[in-house]
C-alpha atoms as a PDB file:
ATOM      1  CA  MET A   1     -33.023   1.756  37.219  1.00  0.00           C
ATOM      2  CA  SER A   2     -32.554   1.678  33.423  1.00  0.00           C
ATOM      3  CA  ALA A   3     -29.249   2.340  31.737  1.00  0.00           C
ATOM      4  CA  THR A   4     -28.887   5.393  29.532  1.00  0.00           C
ATOM      5  CA  LYS A   5     -29.314   4.518  25.862  1.00  0.00           C
ATOM      6  CA  PRO A   6     -25.984   5.053  24.076  1.00  0.00           C
ATOM      7  CA  ASP A   7     -25.720   7.723  21.424  1.00  0.00           C
ATOM      8  CA  PRO A   8     -25.656   5.877  18.048  1.00  0.00           C
ATOM      9  CA  LYS A   9     -22.987   8.115  16.525  1.00  0.00           C
ATOM     10  CA  ALA A  10     -20.732   7.865  19.572  1.00  0.00           C
ATOM     11  CA  LEU A  11     -21.247   4.101  19.651  1.00  0.00           C
ATOM     12  CA  ARG A  12     -20.354   3.829  15.957  1.00  0.00           C
ATOM     13  CA  ASN A  13     -17.164   5.832  16.578  1.00  0.00           C
ATOM     14  CA  ALA A  14     -16.226   3.625  19.514  1.00  0.00           C
ATOM     15  CA  LEU A  15     -16.845   0.445  17.525  1.00  0.00           C
ATOM     16  CA  GLY A  16     -14.786   1.933  14.696  1.00  0.00           C
ATOM     17  CA  THR A  17     -11.650   1.786  16.831  1.00  0.00           C
ATOM     18  CA  PHE A  18     -11.748  -1.985  16.366  1.00  0.00           C
ATOM     19  CA  THR A  19      -9.630  -2.659  13.288  1.00  0.00           C
ATOM     20  CA  THR A  20     -11.153  -5.177  10.892  1.00  0.00           C
ATOM     21  CA  GLY A  21     -10.428  -6.665   7.522  1.00  0.00           C
ATOM     22  CA  VAL A  22     -12.495  -5.761   4.482  1.00  0.00           C
ATOM     23  CA  THR A  23     -14.510  -8.401   2.656  1.00  0.00           C
ATOM     24  CA  ILE A  24     -16.766  -8.748  -0.346  1.00  0.00           C
ATOM     25  CA  ILE A  25     -19.652 -11.196   0.015  1.00  0.00           C
ATOM     26  CA  THR A  26     -21.066 -12.632  -3.200  1.00  0.00           C
ATOM     27  CA  THR A  27     -23.944 -14.888  -4.198  1.00  0.00           C
ATOM     28  CA  ARG A  28     -26.365 -15.386  -7.096  1.00  0.00           C
ATOM     29  CA  ALA A  29     -30.023 -14.498  -7.230  1.00  0.00           C
ATOM     30  CA  SER A  30     -32.543 -17.150  -8.258  1.00  0.00           C
ATOM     31  CA  ASP A  31     -32.403 -15.877 -11.840  1.00  0.00           C
ATOM     32  CA  GLY A  32     -28.599 -16.262 -11.935  1.00  0.00           C
ATOM     33  CA  THR A  33     -27.755 -12.569 -11.487  1.00  0.00           C
ATOM     34  CA  PRO A  34     -24.510 -12.083  -9.519  1.00  0.00           C
ATOM     35  CA  VAL A  35     -24.919 -10.077  -6.319  1.00  0.00           C
ATOM     36  CA  GLY A  36     -22.184  -8.699  -4.086  1.00  0.00           C
ATOM     37  CA  LEU A  37     -21.462  -6.156  -1.405  1.00  0.00           C
ATOM     38  CA  THR A  38     -18.629  -4.898   0.775  1.00  0.00           C
ATOM     39  CA  ALA A  39     -18.736  -5.822   4.467  1.00  0.00           C
ATOM     40  CA  ASN A  40     -16.375  -5.675   7.435  1.00  0.00           C
ATOM     41  CA  SER A  41     -18.620  -7.687   9.779  1.00  0.00           C
ATOM     42  CA  PHE A  42     -16.977 -10.991   8.855  1.00  0.00           C
ATOM     43  CA  ASN A  43     -15.679 -13.245  11.635  1.00  0.00           C
ATOM     44  CA  SER A  44     -14.834 -16.836  12.398  1.00  0.00           C
ATOM     45  CA  VAL A  45     -17.194 -18.895  14.569  1.00  0.00           C
ATOM     46  CA  SER A  46     -15.910 -22.451  14.762  1.00  0.00           C
ATOM     47  CA  LEU A  47     -13.196 -24.721  13.386  1.00  0.00           C
ATOM     48  CA  GLU A  48     -15.062 -27.958  14.017  1.00  0.00           C
ATOM     49  CA  PRO A  49     -17.388 -27.731  12.239  1.00  0.00           C
ATOM     50  CA  PRO A  50     -15.877 -24.926  10.113  1.00  0.00           C
ATOM     51  CA  LEU A  51     -18.256 -21.979  10.504  1.00  0.00           C
ATOM     52  CA  VAL A  52     -17.980 -18.266   9.730  1.00  0.00           C
ATOM     53  CA  LEU A  53     -20.417 -15.368  10.030  1.00  0.00           C
ATOM     54  CA  TRP A  54     -21.203 -11.936   8.657  1.00  0.00           C
ATOM     55  CA  SER A  55     -24.156  -9.594   9.022  1.00  0.00           C
ATOM     56  CA  LEU A  56     -26.276  -7.501   6.671  1.00  0.00           C
ATOM     57  CA  ALA A  57     -28.486  -4.530   7.476  1.00  0.00           C
ATOM     58  CA  LYS A  58     -32.219  -5.206   7.282  1.00  0.00           C
ATOM     59  CA  THR A  59     -32.517  -2.145   5.046  1.00  0.00           C
ATOM     60  CA  ALA A  60     -30.135  -3.566   2.420  1.00  0.00           C
ATOM     61  CA  MET A  61     -31.705  -4.092  -0.993  1.00  0.00           C
ATOM     62  CA  SER A  62     -29.808  -7.360  -1.393  1.00  0.00           C
ATOM     63  CA  LEU A  63     -31.164  -8.839   1.853  1.00  0.00           C
ATOM     64  CA  PRO A  64     -33.894 -10.948   0.160  1.00  0.00           C
ATOM     65  CA  VAL A  65     -31.331 -12.443  -2.217  1.00  0.00           C
ATOM     66  CA  PHE A  66     -28.950 -13.466   0.565  1.00  0.00           C
ATOM     67  CA  THR A  67     -31.792 -14.716   2.730  1.00  0.00           C
ATOM     68  CA  GLU A  68     -32.887 -17.070  -0.025  1.00  0.00           C
ATOM     69  CA  ALA A  69     -29.395 -18.038  -1.185  1.00  0.00           C
ATOM     70  CA  GLU A  70     -28.001 -21.448  -0.294  1.00  0.00           C
ATOM     71  CA  HIS A  71     -24.397 -20.539  -1.065  1.00  0.00           C
ATOM     72  CA  TRP A  72     -22.237 -17.428  -0.735  1.00  0.00           C
ATOM     73  CA  ASN A  73     -18.556 -16.592  -0.836  1.00  0.00           C
ATOM     74  CA  VAL A  74     -16.469 -14.393   1.455  1.00  0.00           C
ATOM     75  CA  HIS A  75     -13.471 -12.636  -0.099  1.00  0.00           C
ATOM     76  CA  VAL A  76     -10.900 -11.146   2.296  1.00  0.00           C
ATOM     77  CA  LEU A  77      -9.551  -8.312   0.180  1.00  0.00           C
ATOM     78  CA  SER A  78      -5.867  -7.684  -0.354  1.00  0.00           C
ATOM     79  CA  MET A  79      -4.390  -4.217   0.095  1.00  0.00           C
ATOM     80  CA  ASP A  80      -4.425  -3.679  -3.691  1.00  0.00           C
ATOM     81  CA  GLN A  81      -8.206  -4.155  -3.887  1.00  0.00           C
ATOM     82  CA  GLN A  82      -9.365  -0.891  -2.315  1.00  0.00           C
ATOM     83  CA  ASP A  83     -10.992   0.219  -5.587  1.00  0.00           C
ATOM     84  CA  LEU A  84     -12.865  -3.084  -5.722  1.00  0.00           C
ATOM     85  CA  SER A  85     -14.074  -2.517  -2.173  1.00  0.00           C
ATOM     86  CA  ASN A  86     -15.365   0.927  -3.166  1.00  0.00           C
ATOM     87  CA  ARG A  87     -17.103  -0.516  -6.208  1.00  0.00           C
ATOM     88  CA  PHE A  88     -18.987  -3.134  -4.208  1.00  0.00           C
ATOM     89  CA  ALA A  89     -19.850  -0.583  -1.518  1.00  0.00           C
ATOM     90  CA  SER A  90     -21.551   1.706  -4.046  1.00  0.00           C
ATOM     91  CA  LYS A  91     -25.146   1.634  -5.246  1.00  0.00           C
ATOM     92  CA  GLY A  92     -26.490   1.632  -8.769  1.00  0.00           C
ATOM     93  CA  GLU A  93     -23.337   0.258 -10.407  1.00  0.00           C
ATOM     94  CA  ASP A  94     -22.706  -2.937 -12.355  1.00  0.00           C
ATOM     95  CA  LYS A  95     -20.291  -4.291  -9.791  1.00  0.00           C
ATOM     96  CA  PHE A  96     -19.271  -7.348 -11.817  1.00  0.00           C
ATOM     97  CA  LYS A  97     -18.646  -5.516 -15.109  1.00  0.00           C
ATOM     98  CA  ASP A  98     -15.360  -6.689 -16.687  1.00  0.00           C
ATOM     99  CA  LEU A  99     -14.505  -8.566 -13.484  1.00  0.00           C
ATOM    100  CA  ALA A 100     -12.837 -11.921 -14.127  1.00  0.00           C
ATOM    101  CA  LEU A 101     -14.194 -14.670 -11.904  1.00  0.00           C
ATOM    102  CA  ASP A 102     -12.677 -17.999 -10.888  1.00  0.00           C
ATOM    103  CA  GLN A 103     -14.471 -21.338 -10.885  1.00  0.00           C
ATOM    104  CA  GLY A 104     -15.677 -22.256  -7.397  1.00  0.00           C
ATOM    105  CA  VAL A 105     -17.291 -25.297  -5.822  1.00  0.00           C
ATOM    106  CA  THR A 106     -20.696 -23.577  -6.088  1.00  0.00           C
ATOM    107  CA  SER A 107     -22.271 -21.110  -8.506  1.00  0.00           C
ATOM    108  CA  ALA A 108     -21.576 -18.128  -6.203  1.00  0.00           C
ATOM    109  CA  PRO A 109     -19.186 -15.649  -7.900  1.00  0.00           C
ATOM    110  CA  LEU A 110     -15.564 -16.168  -6.883  1.00  0.00           C
ATOM    111  CA  ILE A 111     -13.246 -13.135  -7.169  1.00  0.00           C
ATOM    112  CA  GLY A 112      -9.495 -13.556  -7.627  1.00  0.00           C
ATOM    113  CA  GLN A 113      -6.368 -11.851  -6.204  1.00  0.00           C
ATOM    114  CA  CYS A 114      -7.671 -11.883  -2.602  1.00  0.00           C
ATOM    115  CA  SER A 115      -5.824 -12.504   0.639  1.00  0.00           C
ATOM    116  CA  ALA A 116      -8.242 -15.321   1.448  1.00  0.00           C
ATOM    117  CA  ARG A 117     -11.524 -16.765   0.167  1.00  0.00           C
ATOM    118  CA  PHE A 118     -14.165 -18.858   1.904  1.00  0.00           C
ATOM    119  CA  GLN A 119     -16.846 -20.676  -0.073  1.00  0.00           C
ATOM    120  CA  CYS A 120     -19.804 -21.279   2.190  1.00  0.00           C
ATOM    121  CA  LYS A 121     -23.207 -22.894   2.515  1.00  0.00           C
ATOM    122  CA  THR A 122     -25.801 -21.168   4.686  1.00  0.00           C
ATOM    123  CA  ALA A 123     -26.065 -22.991   8.004  1.00  0.00           C
ATOM    124  CA  PHE A 124     -28.064 -20.565  10.187  1.00  0.00           C
ATOM    125  CA  VAL A 125     -29.739 -17.192   9.820  1.00  0.00           C
ATOM    126  CA  HIS A 126     -30.389 -15.177  12.980  1.00  0.00           C
ATOM    127  CA  ASP A 127     -32.090 -11.902  13.800  1.00  0.00           C
ATOM    128  CA  GLY A 128     -29.527  -9.431  15.139  1.00  0.00           C
ATOM    129  CA  GLY A 129     -31.319  -6.182  15.926  1.00  0.00           C
ATOM    130  CA  ASP A 130     -31.122  -3.978  12.865  1.00  0.00           C
ATOM    131  CA  HIS A 131     -29.046  -6.629  11.072  1.00  0.00           C
ATOM    132  CA  ILE A 132     -29.483 -10.236   9.962  1.00  0.00           C
ATOM    133  CA  ILE A 133     -26.630 -12.556  10.932  1.00  0.00           C
ATOM    134  CA  PHE A 134     -25.588 -15.194   8.397  1.00  0.00           C
ATOM    135  CA  ILE A 135     -23.620 -18.197   9.639  1.00  0.00           C
ATOM    136  CA  GLY A 136     -22.118 -20.375   6.947  1.00  0.00           C
ATOM    137  CA  GLU A 137     -20.391 -23.730   6.782  1.00  0.00           C
ATOM    138  CA  VAL A 138     -17.055 -23.466   4.958  1.00  0.00           C
ATOM    139  CA  LEU A 139     -17.090 -25.871   2.012  1.00  0.00           C
ATOM    140  CA  ASP A 140     -13.738 -24.795   0.609  1.00  0.00           C
ATOM    141  CA  PHE A 141     -11.175 -22.057   1.171  1.00  0.00           C
ATOM    142  CA  ASP A 142      -7.830 -20.765  -0.034  1.00  0.00           C
ATOM    143  CA  HIS A 143      -5.421 -18.029   0.982  1.00  0.00           C
ATOM    144  CA  SER A 144      -2.388 -16.240  -0.418  1.00  0.00           C
ATOM    145  CA  THR A 145       0.574 -14.220   0.805  1.00  0.00           C
ATOM    146  CA  LEU A 146      -1.046 -10.963  -0.365  1.00  0.00           C
ATOM    147  CA  PRO A 147      -1.255  -8.527   2.587  1.00  0.00           C
ATOM    148  CA  PRO A 148      -4.859  -7.774   3.618  1.00  0.00           C
ATOM    149  CA  LEU A 149      -6.718  -4.494   3.364  1.00  0.00           C
ATOM    150  CA  ALA A 150      -7.852  -3.178   6.754  1.00  0.00           C
ATOM    151  CA  PHE A 151     -10.507  -0.738   7.962  1.00  0.00           C
ATOM    152  CA  GLN A 152     -10.194   1.409  11.074  1.00  0.00           C
ATOM    153  CA  CYS A 153     -11.982   4.545  12.346  1.00  0.00           C
ATOM    154  CA  GLY A 154     -13.943   4.978   9.143  1.00  0.00           C
ATOM    155  CA  GLN A 155     -11.057   4.717   6.692  1.00  0.00           C
ATOM    156  CA  TYR A 156      -8.902   2.137   4.986  1.00  0.00           C
ATOM    157  CA  ALA A 157      -5.702   1.094   6.708  1.00  0.00           C
ATOM    158  CA  LEU A 158      -2.669  -1.080   6.111  1.00  0.00           C
ATOM    159  CA  THR A 159      -1.389  -3.557   8.626  1.00  0.00           C
ATOM    160  CA  ALA A 160       2.201  -3.662   9.866  1.00  0.00           C
ATOM    161  CA  ARG A 161       3.174  -6.655  11.936  1.00  0.00           C
ATOM    162  CA  LYS A 162       4.501  -6.083  15.438  1.00  0.00           C
ATOM    163  CA  PRO A 163       6.982  -8.792  16.513  1.00  0.00           C
ATOM    164  CA  TRP A 164       6.278 -10.362  19.878  1.00  0.00           C
ATOM    165  CA  GLU A 165       9.797  -9.677  21.095  1.00  0.00           C
ATOM    166  CA  GLY A 166       9.945  -6.133  19.759  1.00  0.00           C
ATOM    167  CA  VAL A 167      12.881  -4.688  17.846  1.00  0.00           C
ATOM    168  CA  GLN A 168      15.983  -3.260  19.513  1.00  0.00           C
ATOM    169  CA  LEU A 169      19.079  -2.135  17.633  1.00  0.00           C
ATOM    170  CA  SER A 170      21.462  -1.934  20.572  1.00  0.00           C
ATOM    171  CA  GLN A 171      22.611  -5.074  22.352  1.00  0.00           C
ATOM    172  CA  SER A 172      22.893  -3.163  25.610  1.00  0.00           C
ATOM    173  CA  GLU A 173      20.315  -4.243  28.187  1.00  0.00           C
ATOM    174  CA  GLU A 174      20.646  -1.016  30.162  1.00  0.00           C
ATOM    175  CA  PRO A 175      19.688   2.274  28.475  1.00  0.00           C
ATOM    176  CA  LEU A 176      22.432   4.885  28.469  1.00  0.00           C
ATOM    177  CA  ASP A 177      21.968   8.123  30.391  1.00  0.00           C
ATOM    178  CA  CYS A 178      21.809   9.995  27.108  1.00  0.00           C
ATOM    179  CA  ASN A 179      19.054  11.857  25.278  1.00  0.00           C
ATOM    180  CA  TYR A 180      20.363  10.623  21.949  1.00  0.00           C
ATOM    181  CA  ASN A 181      18.900   7.144  21.679  1.00  0.00           C
ATOM    182  CA  GLU A 182      17.923   4.656  19.015  1.00  0.00           C
ATOM    183  CA  ASP A 183      14.258   5.682  19.095  1.00  0.00           C
ATOM    184  CA  LEU A 184      14.897   9.143  17.644  1.00  0.00           C
ATOM    185  CA  LEU A 185      13.026   9.268  14.351  1.00  0.00           C
ATOM    186  CA  GLY A 186      15.725  11.312  12.626  1.00  0.00           C
ATOM    187  CA  TYR A 187      18.364   8.756  13.570  1.00  0.00           C
ATOM    188  CA  LEU A 188      16.246   5.850  12.331  1.00  0.00           C
ATOM    189  CA  LEU A 189      15.429   7.546   9.029  1.00  0.00           C
ATOM    190  CA  GLY A 190      19.032   8.602   8.464  1.00  0.00           C
ATOM    191  CA  ARG A 191      20.550   5.250   9.343  1.00  0.00           C
ATOM    192  CA  ALA A 192      18.024   3.351   7.207  1.00  0.00           C
ATOM    193  CA  HIS A 193      18.761   5.641   4.243  1.00  0.00           C
ATOM    194  CA  PHE A 194      22.531   5.328   4.432  1.00  0.00           C
ATOM    195  CA  GLN A 195      22.445   1.572   5.018  1.00  0.00           C
ATOM    196  CA  MET A 196      20.258   1.106   1.953  1.00  0.00           C
ATOM    197  CA  MET A 197      22.529   3.444  -0.032  1.00  0.00           C
ATOM    198  CA  GLN A 198      25.438   1.113   0.734  1.00  0.00           C
ATOM    199  CA  GLY A 199      23.887  -1.265  -1.762  1.00  0.00           C
ATOM    200  CA  MET A 200      23.985   1.473  -4.412  1.00  0.00           C
ATOM    201  CA  GLN A 201      27.702   2.225  -4.044  1.00  0.00           C
ATOM    202  CA  LYS A 202      28.862  -0.369  -6.577  1.00  0.00           C
ATOM    203  CA  GLU A 203      26.493   0.979  -9.222  1.00  0.00           C
ATOM    204  CA  LEU A 204      27.578   4.571  -8.541  1.00  0.00           C
ATOM    205  CA  ALA A 205      31.251   3.622  -8.615  1.00  0.00           C
ATOM    206  CA  ARG A 206      30.763   2.088 -12.073  1.00  0.00           C
ATOM    207  CA  PHE A 207      30.257   5.625 -13.434  1.00  0.00           C
ATOM    208  CA  ASP A 208      32.462   7.367 -10.850  1.00  0.00           C
ATOM    209  CA  LEU A 209      29.468   9.285  -9.467  1.00  0.00           C
ATOM    210  CA  SER A 210      29.598  11.286  -6.251  1.00  0.00           C
ATOM    211  CA  PRO A 211      26.424  11.662  -4.157  1.00  0.00           C
ATOM    212  CA  ALA A 212      25.815  15.087  -5.691  1.00  0.00           C
ATOM    213  CA  HIS A 213      26.263  13.630  -9.188  1.00  0.00           C
ATOM    214  CA  PHE A 214      23.865  10.828  -8.339  1.00  0.00           C
ATOM    215  CA  PHE A 215      21.184  13.310  -7.318  1.00  0.00           C
ATOM    216  CA  ALA A 216      21.747  15.292 -10.531  1.00  0.00           C
ATOM    217  CA  VAL A 217      21.390  12.214 -12.737  1.00  0.00           C
ATOM    218  CA  SER A 218      18.258  11.173 -10.836  1.00  0.00           C
ATOM    219  CA  VAL A 219      16.633  14.577 -11.341  1.00  0.00           C
ATOM    220  CA  LEU A 220      17.586  14.782 -15.018  1.00  0.00           C
ATOM    221  CA  ALA A 221      16.102  11.324 -15.610  1.00  0.00           C
ATOM    222  CA  ILE A 222      12.728  12.886 -14.761  1.00  0.00           C
ATOM    223  CA  GLN A 223      13.150  16.572 -15.543  1.00  0.00           C
ATOM    224  CA  GLY A 224      15.422  16.807 -18.566  1.00  0.00           C
ATOM    225  CA  GLY A 225      16.303  20.123 -20.149  1.00  0.00           C
ATOM    226  CA  ILE A 226      16.580  22.309 -17.040  1.00  0.00           C
ATOM    227  CA  ASP A 227      19.151  24.826 -15.900  1.00  0.00           C
ATOM    228  CA  LEU A 228      21.479  24.517 -12.922  1.00  0.00           C
ATOM    229  CA  THR A 229      19.337  26.707 -10.656  1.00  0.00           C
ATOM    230  CA  SER A 230      16.279  24.545 -11.283  1.00  0.00           C
ATOM    231  CA  LEU A 231      18.285  21.364 -10.808  1.00  0.00           C
ATOM    232  CA  ASN A 232      19.654  22.528  -7.460  1.00  0.00           C
ATOM    233  CA  ALA A 233      16.158  23.535  -6.349  1.00  0.00           C
ATOM    234  CA  HIS A 234      15.170  19.874  -6.602  1.00  0.00           C
ATOM    235  CA  ILE A 235      18.058  18.556  -4.490  1.00  0.00           C
ATOM    236  CA  GLU A 236      18.651  21.265  -1.902  1.00  0.00           C
ATOM    237  CA  TYR A 237      16.821  19.199   0.735  1.00  0.00           C
ATOM    238  CA  THR A 238      19.720  16.706   0.613  1.00  0.00           C
ATOM    239  CA  GLY A 239      22.285  19.273   1.694  1.00  0.00           C
ATOM    240  CA  GLN A 240      23.956  18.811  -1.691  1.00  0.00           C
ATOM    241  CA  SER A 241      24.251  21.292  -4.540  1.00  0.00           C
ATOM    242  CA  LEU A 242      26.194  21.365  -7.773  1.00  0.00           C
ATOM    243  CA  ASP A 243      28.237  24.081  -9.423  1.00  0.00           C
ATOM    244  CA  GLU A 244      29.209  24.479 -13.059  1.00  0.00           C
ATOM    245  CA  ASN A 245      32.488  22.621 -12.532  1.00  0.00           C
ATOM    246  CA  GLN A 246      30.684  19.567 -11.150  1.00  0.00           C
ATOM    247  CA  MET A 247      28.229  19.647 -14.048  1.00  0.00           C
ATOM    248  CA  ALA A 248      31.187  19.929 -16.416  1.00  0.00           C
ATOM    249  CA  GLN A 249      32.482  16.640 -14.968  1.00  0.00           C
ATOM    250  CA  LEU A 250      29.172  14.981 -15.849  1.00  0.00           C
ATOM    251  CA  VAL A 251      29.341  16.431 -19.352  1.00  0.00           C
ATOM    252  CA  HIS A 252      32.941  15.212 -19.722  1.00  0.00           C
ATOM    253  CA  SER A 253      31.911  11.714 -18.581  1.00  0.00           C
ATOM    254  CA  GLY A 254      29.348  11.557 -21.375  1.00  0.00           C
ATOM    255  CA  LEU A 255      26.390  11.205 -19.027  1.00  0.00           C
ATOM    256  CA  VAL A 256      25.044  14.727 -19.490  1.00  0.00           C
ATOM    257  CA  THR A 257      24.890  17.187 -22.348  1.00  0.00           C
ATOM    258  CA  CYS A 258      24.540  20.951 -22.092  1.00  0.00           C
ATOM    259  CA  ILE A 259      22.842  23.102 -24.709  1.00  0.00           C
ATOM    260  CA  GLY A 260      22.923  26.742 -23.778  1.00  0.00           C
ATOM    261  CA  GLU A 261      22.275  26.653 -20.035  1.00  0.00           C
ATOM    262  CA  LYS A 262      20.035  23.569 -20.154  1.00  0.00           C
ATOM    263  CA  TYR A 263      21.218  20.163 -18.980  1.00  0.00           C
ATOM    264  CA  ALA A 264      19.851  16.784 -20.061  1.00  0.00           C
ATOM    265  CA  LEU A 265      20.932  13.148 -19.954  1.00  0.00           C
ATOM    266  CA  THR A 266      22.588  11.517 -22.940  1.00  0.00           C
ATOM    267  CA  ASP A 267      21.874   7.917 -23.949  1.00  0.00           C
ATOM    268  CA  LYS A 268      24.748   6.877 -21.708  1.00  0.00           C
ATOM    269  CA  GLY A 269      23.253   8.924 -18.878  1.00  0.00           C
ATOM    270  CA  HIS A 270      19.873   7.264 -19.300  1.00  0.00           C
ATOM    271  CA  GLN A 271      21.533   3.843 -19.217  1.00  0.00           C
ATOM    272  CA  ALA A 272      23.309   4.822 -16.004  1.00  0.00           C
ATOM    273  CA  SER A 273      20.006   5.981 -14.527  1.00  0.00           C
ATOM    274  CA  LEU A 274      18.275   2.725 -15.511  1.00  0.00           C
ATOM    275  CA  GLY A 275      21.057   0.767 -13.833  1.00  0.00           C
ATOM    276  CA  GLN A 276      20.624   2.785 -10.648  1.00  0.00           C
ATOM    277  CA  ILE A 277      16.858   2.232 -10.673  1.00  0.00           C
ATOM    278  CA  ALA A 278      17.333  -1.495 -11.254  1.00  0.00           C
ATOM    279  CA  GLN A 279      19.739  -1.677  -8.311  1.00  0.00           C
ATOM    280  CA  ALA A 280      17.352   0.313  -6.096  1.00  0.00           C
ATOM    281  CA  LYS A 281      14.492  -2.037  -7.017  1.00  0.00           C
ATOM    282  CA  ALA A 282      16.664  -5.071  -6.296  1.00  0.00           C
ATOM    283  CA  ILE A 283      17.434  -3.663  -2.834  1.00  0.00           C
ATOM    284  CA  GLU A 284      13.706  -3.054  -2.301  1.00  0.00           C
ATOM    285  CA  ASP A 285      12.821  -6.587  -3.454  1.00  0.00           C
ATOM    286  CA  ASP A 286      15.282  -8.033  -0.935  1.00  0.00           C
ATOM    287  CA  LEU A 287      13.683  -5.896   1.761  1.00  0.00           C
ATOM    288  CA  VAL A 288      10.220  -7.134   0.783  1.00  0.00           C
ATOM    289  CA  ASP A 289      11.447 -10.714   1.028  1.00  0.00           C
ATOM    290  CA  GLU A 290      12.831 -10.054   4.501  1.00  0.00           C
ATOM    291  CA  ILE A 291      10.076  -8.031   6.194  1.00  0.00           C
ATOM    292  CA  GLY A 292       7.065  -8.551   3.934  1.00  0.00           C
ATOM    293  CA  ARG A 293       5.273  -6.616   1.236  1.00  0.00           C
ATOM    294  CA  GLY A 294       2.599  -5.326   3.582  1.00  0.00           C
ATOM    295  CA  ASP A 295       5.118  -3.819   5.996  1.00  0.00           C
ATOM    296  CA  VAL A 296       7.082  -2.192   3.155  1.00  0.00           C
ATOM    297  CA  THR A 297       3.891  -0.702   1.693  1.00  0.00           C
ATOM    298  CA  ALA A 298       2.855   0.612   5.106  1.00  0.00           C
ATOM    299  CA  LEU A 299       6.352   2.098   5.520  1.00  0.00           C
ATOM    300  CA  LYS A 300       6.085   3.866   2.145  1.00  0.00           C
ATOM    301  CA  LEU A 301       2.716   5.337   3.082  1.00  0.00           C
ATOM    302  CA  LEU A 302       4.023   6.638   6.413  1.00  0.00           C
ATOM    303  CA  LEU A 303       7.115   8.096   4.756  1.00  0.00           C
ATOM    304  CA  LYS A 304       4.968   9.919   2.187  1.00  0.00           C
ATOM    305  CA  ARG A 305       2.897  11.397   5.005  1.00  0.00           C
ATOM    306  CA  LEU A 306       6.055  12.447   6.844  1.00  0.00           C
ATOM    307  CA  ILE A 307       7.536  13.994   3.695  1.00  0.00           C
ATOM    308  CA  ARG A 308       4.344  15.916   2.992  1.00  0.00           C
ATOM    309  CA  GLN A 309       4.241  17.168   6.577  1.00  0.00           C
ATOM    310  CA  THR A 310       7.874  18.347   6.555  1.00  0.00           C
ATOM    311  CA  ASP A 311       8.040  19.559   2.927  1.00  0.00           C
ATOM    312  CA  PRO A 312       9.772  22.981   2.906  1.00  0.00           C
ATOM    313  CA  GLY A 313       8.183  23.789  -0.444  1.00  0.00           C
ATOM    314  CA  LEU A 314      10.292  21.842  -2.917  1.00  0.00           C
ATOM    315  CA  PRO A 315       9.283  21.990  -6.593  1.00  0.00           C
ATOM    316  CA  ASP A 316       7.302  18.999  -7.839  1.00  0.00           C
ATOM    317  CA  LEU A 317       9.824  16.670  -9.453  1.00  0.00           C
ATOM    318  CA  TRP A 318       7.082  14.744 -11.233  1.00  0.00           C
ATOM    319  CA  SER A 319       5.148  17.772 -12.532  1.00  0.00           C
ATOM    320  CA  ASP A 320       4.255  18.167 -16.192  1.00  0.00           C
ATOM    321  CA  ALA A 321       7.331  20.263 -16.927  1.00  0.00           C
ATOM    322  CA  VAL A 322       9.870  19.064 -19.484  1.00  0.00           C
ATOM    323  CA  ARG A 323       9.991  15.343 -18.685  1.00  0.00           C
ATOM    324  CA  GLY A 324      12.956  13.197 -19.517  1.00  0.00           C
ATOM    325  CA  ALA A 325      14.139  15.504 -22.290  1.00  0.00           C
ATOM    326  CA  LYS A 326      17.215  14.057 -23.943  1.00  0.00           C
ATOM    327  CA  HIS A 327      19.746  15.610 -26.266  1.00  0.00           C
ATOM    328  CA  ASP A 328      22.609  13.767 -27.904  1.00  0.00           C
END
């Protein structure tokens, strides 16, 4: 009794659920021409001796070059190298144009700014169905702290580390008989926001800014020369709004000027805004140091998706309207 042959498309989709890294494999043709391609079939084989493998489709135009090559390099791409991955996955493009290369232990091209790099010598070449499997001996390697680029279900992904012990905010071992718990997304987003804003309080106090004033200065740093209605339209999602008296306070403080019905930051206002941005970036840098750049980047991406999904139709703060207009 023979087994039913799996549907290729369904099999590809099932295999795609396995999250992998993204690599670029490089070598040189016999005439010295650099050759490279994007692959996610890379894997480790052995530590002693140090062996790694990757596979290449038999239909690939570069197959003869890699089959004949003695040396090749594997580059585990960092999360900032998605464009490079796309370049090396494309056909008919000078993939190495304007690409700075490092000096390696062999003549195979060595790309910089990767999460890890493995410089290899071909050890074995095996037939693997519709692919050829290359096994290489690692001659040299290096790695960095740059978070890796991932690939899952046919699209790029970012990795976020999951601690073995999990993360629990409450010290209570027994869950309360209450529907309001620490896993509510709204609670987590709100608490994270206000705890991070605690680090901004000193900077805001320096200019005696209320939360509503802070939002106004932030908007005017991007969209200068707008009226009060337009300004409030940008901050209504915060539950804050400003009236003419509150704007008059900002004008009196020297942070904002008003010409007609249009508000804009003064030089002092721009300096205050720059100080706030510097403080916000310092808070973010501390967070990166604590939980890692990859996790922070993944968090930003998820937050952008959440914001887009819940957007009530706010005006685009970064549109091409009057940007950063300033009047003294």
